[in-house]
Amino acid sequence: MDFLLKHKVNDLELQKRVKKLHELYARKLLAYTKNRYQINEDDAQSLVYKTIYKIADVEDNYKFENENKQAAFVFKTHINYLRNYFRDSKTFETKNKEITLVDFVANTDESEEIPNQKLKLLQLLLDRMEEWQRILLLMRGQDMPYSEISKFVQKPEKQLKVYYARLKKQLLEDMENELIKSNNEKR
């Protein structure tokens, strides 16, 4: 009997949390999902509700400094549900064509100047790198764990963090030097 009463109280508390979270975040998450990704209305609402119920379920496990931190947590959870949705349904690849940097540069007319010199410079510097270095930079830039990246580059996982830091630093330095050099040549 005591268990049933406690379970009912928890259900009421959960309903209150769901209602509060729905009022705070549902419209924003739904608008983001529908505008940013081409997801039908039903799937978008389903993802929003999954997010809200998950947050309501685990909300007691977390303490947030302020409302912005909580909103960031809710948004990150929603993004994870979106990733799972696309991974599971594989509809992302059929409905959205991702444009890569290589496609952008390769598909431009040779006579036509790329409007963004920094983008052109970045592509040039990436082309100068070894393949494993480009893979490391690009995959880590997508928050891929080092353990997964090591499978692609055949380098020790423990060394990848050092390689990544060095490559990133070198790439930024090279970009700055090339930009300064090109600005000096224009004068």
C-alpha atoms as a PDB file:
ATOM      1  CA  MET A   1       0.000   0.000   0.000  1.00  0.00           C
ATOM      2  CA  ASP A   2       2.790   2.374   0.944  1.00  0.00           C
ATOM      3  CA  PHE A   3       4.549   1.556  -2.339  1.00  0.00           C
ATOM      4  CA  LEU A   4       1.442   2.381  -4.376  1.00  0.00           C
ATOM      5  CA  LEU A   5       1.007   5.720  -2.616  1.00  0.00           C
ATOM      6  CA  LYS A   6       4.650   6.614  -3.201  1.00  0.00           C
ATOM      7  CA  HIS A   7       4.376   5.566  -6.859  1.00  0.00           C
ATOM      8  CA  LYS A   8       1.297   7.770  -7.316  1.00  0.00           C
ATOM      9  CA  VAL A   9       3.039  10.751  -5.723  1.00  0.00           C
ATOM     10  CA  ASN A  10       6.009  10.241  -8.041  1.00  0.00           C
ATOM     11  CA  ASP A  11       3.659  10.142 -11.028  1.00  0.00           C
ATOM     12  CA  LEU A  12       2.085  13.433  -9.957  1.00  0.00           C
ATOM     13  CA  GLU A  13       5.500  15.013  -9.498  1.00  0.00           C
ATOM     14  CA  LEU A  14       6.602  13.704 -12.876  1.00  0.00           C
ATOM     15  CA  GLN A  15       3.478  15.139 -14.499  1.00  0.00           C
ATOM     16  CA  LYS A  16       4.196  18.532 -12.935  1.00  0.00           C
ATOM     17  CA  ARG A  17       7.786  18.469 -14.170  1.00  0.00           C
ATOM     18  CA  VAL A  18       6.698  17.432 -17.654  1.00  0.00           C
ATOM     19  CA  LYS A  19       4.140  20.260 -17.760  1.00  0.00           C
ATOM     20  CA  LYS A  20       6.736  22.809 -16.600  1.00  0.00           C
ATOM     21  CA  LEU A  21       9.353  21.592 -19.090  1.00  0.00           C
ATOM     22  CA  HIS A  22       6.778  21.516 -21.870  1.00  0.00           C
ATOM     23  CA  GLU A  23       5.823  25.133 -21.221  1.00  0.00           C
ATOM     24  CA  LEU A  24       9.460  26.227 -21.127  1.00  0.00           C
ATOM     25  CA  TYR A  25      11.014  24.289 -23.999  1.00  0.00           C
ATOM     26  CA  ALA A  26       8.535  22.474 -26.253  1.00  0.00           C
ATOM     27  CA  ARG A  27       7.875  25.320 -28.703  1.00  0.00           C
ATOM     28  CA  LYS A  28      11.563  26.183 -29.017  1.00  0.00           C
ATOM     29  CA  LEU A  29      12.657  22.586 -29.541  1.00  0.00           C
ATOM     30  CA  LEU A  30       9.888  21.917 -32.037  1.00  0.00           C
ATOM     31  CA  ALA A  31      10.666  25.059 -34.028  1.00  0.00           C
ATOM     32  CA  TYR A  32      14.369  24.217 -34.049  1.00  0.00           C
ATOM     33  CA  THR A  33      13.732  20.646 -35.135  1.00  0.00           C
ATOM     34  CA  LYS A  34      11.338  21.535 -37.942  1.00  0.00           C
ATOM     35  CA  ASN A  35      13.324  24.500 -39.250  1.00  0.00           C
ATOM     36  CA  ARG A  36      16.829  23.060 -39.026  1.00  0.00           C
ATOM     37  CA  TYR A  37      16.020  19.540 -40.220  1.00  0.00           C
ATOM     38  CA  GLN A  38      13.397  18.379 -42.680  1.00  0.00           C
ATOM     39  CA  ILE A  39      11.494  16.181 -40.250  1.00  0.00           C
ATOM     40  CA  ASN A  40       7.777  15.645 -40.510  1.00  0.00           C
ATOM     41  CA  GLU A  41       5.563  17.129 -37.804  1.00  0.00           C
ATOM     42  CA  ASP A  42       4.786  13.851 -36.040  1.00  0.00           C
ATOM     43  CA  ASP A  43       8.405  12.747 -35.769  1.00  0.00           C
ATOM     44  CA  ALA A  44       9.488  16.202 -34.623  1.00  0.00           C
ATOM     45  CA  GLN A  45       6.859  16.233 -31.867  1.00  0.00           C
ATOM     46  CA  SER A  46       7.783  12.718 -30.858  1.00  0.00           C
ATOM     47  CA  LEU A  47      11.438  13.747 -30.459  1.00  0.00           C
ATOM     48  CA  VAL A  48      10.449  16.796 -28.420  1.00  0.00           C
ATOM     49  CA  TYR A  49       8.296  14.692 -26.103  1.00  0.00           C
ATOM     50  CA  LYS A  50      11.043  12.094 -25.707  1.00  0.00           C
ATOM     51  CA  THR A  51      13.397  14.886 -24.692  1.00  0.00           C
ATOM     52  CA  ILE A  52      10.952  16.417 -22.233  1.00  0.00           C
ATOM     53  CA  TYR A  53      10.081  13.095 -20.597  1.00  0.00           C
ATOM     54  CA  LYS A  54      13.734  12.115 -20.333  1.00  0.00           C
ATOM     55  CA  ILE A  55      14.652  15.450 -18.712  1.00  0.00           C
ATOM     56  CA  ALA A  56      11.706  15.198 -16.329  1.00  0.00           C
ATOM     57  CA  ASP A  57      12.785  11.684 -15.413  1.00  0.00           C
ATOM     58  CA  VAL A  58      16.428  12.565 -14.647  1.00  0.00           C
ATOM     59  CA  GLU A  59      15.983  16.154 -13.467  1.00  0.00           C
ATOM     60  CA  ASP A  60      16.493  15.201  -9.814  1.00  0.00           C
ATOM     61  CA  ASN A  61      19.935  13.813 -10.636  1.00  0.00           C
ATOM     62  CA  TYR A  62      21.273  17.212 -11.717  1.00  0.00           C
ATOM     63  CA  LYS A  63      21.646  20.625 -10.149  1.00  0.00           C
ATOM     64  CA  PHE A  64      22.083  23.600 -12.462  1.00  0.00           C
ATOM     65  CA  GLU A  65      23.680  26.926 -11.599  1.00  0.00           C
ATOM     66  CA  ASN A  66      21.100  28.855 -13.582  1.00  0.00           C
ATOM     67  CA  GLU A  67      18.338  28.563 -16.169  1.00  0.00           C
ATOM     68  CA  ASN A  68      20.796  28.876 -19.068  1.00  0.00           C
ATOM     69  CA  LYS A  69      22.736  25.801 -17.930  1.00  0.00           C
ATOM     70  CA  GLN A  70      19.515  23.825 -17.695  1.00  0.00           C
ATOM     71  CA  ALA A  71      18.421  25.018 -21.140  1.00  0.00           C
ATOM     72  CA  ALA A  72      21.782  23.946 -22.568  1.00  0.00           C
ATOM     73  CA  PHE A  73      21.340  20.515 -20.986  1.00  0.00           C
ATOM     74  CA  VAL A  74      17.834  20.175 -22.441  1.00  0.00           C
ATOM     75  CA  PHE A  75      19.056  21.264 -25.878  1.00  0.00           C
ATOM     76  CA  LYS A  76      22.016  18.857 -25.808  1.00  0.00           C
ATOM     77  CA  THR A  77      19.698  16.009 -24.837  1.00  0.00           C
ATOM     78  CA  HIS A  78      17.406  16.930 -27.717  1.00  0.00           C
ATOM     79  CA  ILE A  79      20.342  16.991 -30.136  1.00  0.00           C
ATOM     80  CA  ASN A  80      21.268  13.484 -28.975  1.00  0.00           C
ATOM     81  CA  TYR A  81      17.741  12.289 -29.688  1.00  0.00           C
ATOM     82  CA  LEU A  82      17.956  13.888 -33.146  1.00  0.00           C
ATOM     83  CA  ARG A  83      21.236  12.087 -33.831  1.00  0.00           C
ATOM     84  CA  ASN A  84      19.709   8.792 -32.763  1.00  0.00           C
ATOM     85  CA  TYR A  85      16.689   9.448 -34.969  1.00  0.00           C
ATOM     86  CA  PHE A  86      18.862  10.031 -38.038  1.00  0.00           C
ATOM     87  CA  ARG A  87      21.146   7.131 -37.260  1.00  0.00           C
ATOM     88  CA  ASP A  88      18.225   4.769 -36.802  1.00  0.00           C
ATOM     89  CA  SER A  89      16.086   5.922 -39.689  1.00  0.00           C
ATOM     90  CA  LYS A  90      18.852   6.747 -42.176  1.00  0.00           C
ATOM     91  CA  THR A  91      16.508   9.346 -43.671  1.00  0.00           C
ATOM     92  CA  PHE A  92      18.976  12.152 -43.114  1.00  0.00           C
ATOM     93  CA  GLU A  93      21.152  11.005 -45.992  1.00  0.00           C
ATOM     94  CA  THR A  94      18.234  10.782 -48.389  1.00  0.00           C
ATOM     95  CA  LYS A  95      16.595  14.092 -47.483  1.00  0.00           C
ATOM     96  CA  ASN A  96      19.622  16.257 -46.732  1.00  0.00           C
ATOM     97  CA  LYS A  97      22.712  16.470 -48.862  1.00  0.00           C
ATOM     98  CA  GLU A  98      25.624  17.503 -46.746  1.00  0.00           C
ATOM     99  CA  ILE A  99      27.959  19.914 -48.461  1.00  0.00           C
ATOM    100  CA  THR A 100      31.564  19.285 -47.621  1.00  0.00           C
ATOM    101  CA  LEU A 101      34.390  21.735 -47.949  1.00  0.00           C
ATOM    102  CA  VAL A 102      35.865  19.666 -50.774  1.00  0.00           C
ATOM    103  CA  ASP A 103      32.569  19.747 -52.701  1.00  0.00           C
ATOM    104  CA  PHE A 104      32.327  23.493 -52.261  1.00  0.00           C
ATOM    105  CA  VAL A 105      35.817  24.180 -53.546  1.00  0.00           C
ATOM    106  CA  ALA A 106      35.742  21.532 -56.277  1.00  0.00           C
ATOM    107  CA  ASN A 107      32.409  22.675 -57.699  1.00  0.00           C
ATOM    108  CA  THR A 108      33.368  26.296 -58.128  1.00  0.00           C
ATOM    109  CA  ASP A 109      34.482  27.663 -61.456  1.00  0.00           C
ATOM    110  CA  GLU A 110      38.268  27.947 -61.715  1.00  0.00           C
ATOM    111  CA  SER A 111      37.939  31.429 -63.163  1.00  0.00           C
ATOM    112  CA  GLU A 112      35.515  32.449 -60.429  1.00  0.00           C
ATOM    113  CA  GLU A 113      37.163  33.712 -57.236  1.00  0.00           C
ATOM    114  CA  ILE A 114      35.950  32.089 -54.038  1.00  0.00           C
ATOM    115  CA  PRO A 115      34.448  34.926 -52.000  1.00  0.00           C
ATOM    116  CA  ASN A 116      35.898  33.740 -48.730  1.00  0.00           C
ATOM    117  CA  GLN A 117      39.694  33.801 -48.862  1.00  0.00           C
ATOM    118  CA  LYS A 118      39.941  32.171 -45.441  1.00  0.00           C
ATOM    119  CA  LEU A 119      37.958  29.180 -46.676  1.00  0.00           C
ATOM    120  CA  LYS A 120      40.170  28.853 -49.720  1.00  0.00           C
ATOM    121  CA  LEU A 121      43.273  29.113 -47.555  1.00  0.00           C
ATOM    122  CA  LEU A 122      41.963  26.513 -45.134  1.00  0.00           C
ATOM    123  CA  GLN A 123      41.325  24.089 -47.995  1.00  0.00           C
ATOM    124  CA  LEU A 124      44.830  24.705 -49.344  1.00  0.00           C
ATOM    125  CA  LEU A 125      46.437  24.057 -45.952  1.00  0.00           C
ATOM    126  CA  LEU A 126      44.359  20.910 -45.425  1.00  0.00           C
ATOM    127  CA  ASP A 127      45.420  19.654 -48.860  1.00  0.00           C
ATOM    128  CA  ARG A 128      49.070  20.000 -47.826  1.00  0.00           C
ATOM    129  CA  MET A 129      48.596  17.710 -44.818  1.00  0.00           C
ATOM    130  CA  GLU A 130      48.937  13.971 -44.765  1.00  0.00           C
ATOM    131  CA  GLU A 131      45.692  12.056 -44.999  1.00  0.00           C
ATOM    132  CA  TRP A 132      45.769  10.839 -41.378  1.00  0.00           C
ATOM    133  CA  GLN A 133      46.255  14.431 -40.186  1.00  0.00           C
ATOM    134  CA  ARG A 134      43.213  15.660 -42.120  1.00  0.00           C
ATOM    135  CA  ILE A 135      41.153  12.737 -40.809  1.00  0.00           C
ATOM    136  CA  LEU A 136      42.204  13.499 -37.236  1.00  0.00           C
ATOM    137  CA  LEU A 137      41.398  17.210 -37.510  1.00  0.00           C
ATOM    138  CA  LEU A 138      38.065  16.745 -39.224  1.00  0.00           C
ATOM    139  CA  MET A 139      36.816  13.834 -37.129  1.00  0.00           C
ATOM    140  CA  ARG A 140      37.874  15.422 -33.838  1.00  0.00           C
ATOM    141  CA  GLY A 141      36.212  18.637 -35.002  1.00  0.00           C
ATOM    142  CA  GLN A 142      33.004  16.598 -35.079  1.00  0.00           C
ATOM    143  CA  ASP A 143      33.590  15.482 -31.450  1.00  0.00           C
ATOM    144  CA  MET A 144      34.461  11.928 -32.440  1.00  0.00           C
ATOM    145  CA  PRO A 145      36.250  10.161 -29.556  1.00  0.00           C
ATOM    146  CA  TYR A 146      39.940   9.445 -29.961  1.00  0.00           C
ATOM    147  CA  SER A 147      39.270   5.715 -29.598  1.00  0.00           C
ATOM    148  CA  GLU A 148      37.179   5.777 -32.789  1.00  0.00           C
ATOM    149  CA  ILE A 149      39.599   8.020 -34.679  1.00  0.00           C
ATOM    150  CA  SER A 150      42.525   5.714 -33.893  1.00  0.00           C
ATOM    151  CA  LYS A 151      40.811   2.981 -35.913  1.00  0.00           C
ATOM    152  CA  PHE A 152      40.925   5.182 -39.014  1.00  0.00           C
ATOM    153  CA  VAL A 153      44.412   6.657 -38.696  1.00  0.00           C
ATOM    154  CA  GLN A 154      46.264   3.622 -37.287  1.00  0.00           C
ATOM    155  CA  LYS A 155      47.917   5.729 -34.583  1.00  0.00           C
ATOM    156  CA  PRO A 156      47.935   5.056 -30.837  1.00  0.00           C
ATOM    157  CA  GLU A 157      44.858   6.498 -29.154  1.00  0.00           C
ATOM    158  CA  LYS A 158      46.913   8.062 -26.354  1.00  0.00           C
ATOM    159  CA  GLN A 159      49.029   9.997 -28.878  1.00  0.00           C
ATOM    160  CA  LEU A 160      46.095  11.376 -30.858  1.00  0.00           C
ATOM    161  CA  LYS A 161      45.334  14.072 -28.292  1.00  0.00           C
ATOM    162  CA  VAL A 162      48.887  15.405 -28.606  1.00  0.00           C
ATOM    163  CA  TYR A 163      48.822  15.133 -32.408  1.00  0.00           C
ATOM    164  CA  TYR A 164      45.484  16.943 -32.500  1.00  0.00           C
ATOM    165  CA  ALA A 165      46.669  19.822 -30.315  1.00  0.00           C
ATOM    166  CA  ARG A 166      49.832  20.240 -32.389  1.00  0.00           C
ATOM    167  CA  LEU A 167      47.996  20.044 -35.714  1.00  0.00           C
ATOM    168  CA  LYS A 168      45.370  22.550 -34.616  1.00  0.00           C
ATOM    169  CA  LYS A 169      48.022  24.962 -33.367  1.00  0.00           C
ATOM    170  CA  GLN A 170      50.072  24.574 -36.552  1.00  0.00           C
ATOM    171  CA  LEU A 171      47.026  25.051 -38.772  1.00  0.00           C
ATOM    172  CA  LEU A 172      46.070  28.280 -36.984  1.00  0.00           C
ATOM    173  CA  GLU A 173      49.633  29.593 -37.160  1.00  0.00           C
ATOM    174  CA  ASP A 174      49.901  28.742 -40.854  1.00  0.00           C
ATOM    175  CA  MET A 175      46.578  30.455 -41.572  1.00  0.00           C
ATOM    176  CA  GLU A 176      47.646  33.596 -39.713  1.00  0.00           C
ATOM    177  CA  ASN A 177      51.011  33.676 -41.495  1.00  0.00           C
ATOM    178  CA  GLU A 178      49.441  33.174 -44.920  1.00  0.00           C
ATOM    179  CA  LEU A 179      46.818  35.863 -44.278  1.00  0.00           C
ATOM    180  CA  ILE A 180      49.492  38.326 -43.156  1.00  0.00           C
ATOM    181  CA  LYS A 181      51.588  37.442 -46.189  1.00  0.00           C
ATOM    182  CA  SER A 182      48.672  37.902 -48.609  1.00  0.00           C
ATOM    183  CA  ASN A 183      47.726  41.230 -46.963  1.00  0.00           C
ATOM    184  CA  ASN A 184      51.300  42.468 -47.321  1.00  0.00           C
ATOM    185  CA  GLU A 185      51.362  41.475 -50.997  1.00  0.00           C
ATOM    186  CA  LYS A 186      48.193  43.485 -51.659  1.00  0.00           C
ATOM    187  CA  ARG A 187      49.813  46.664 -50.360  1.00  0.00           C
END
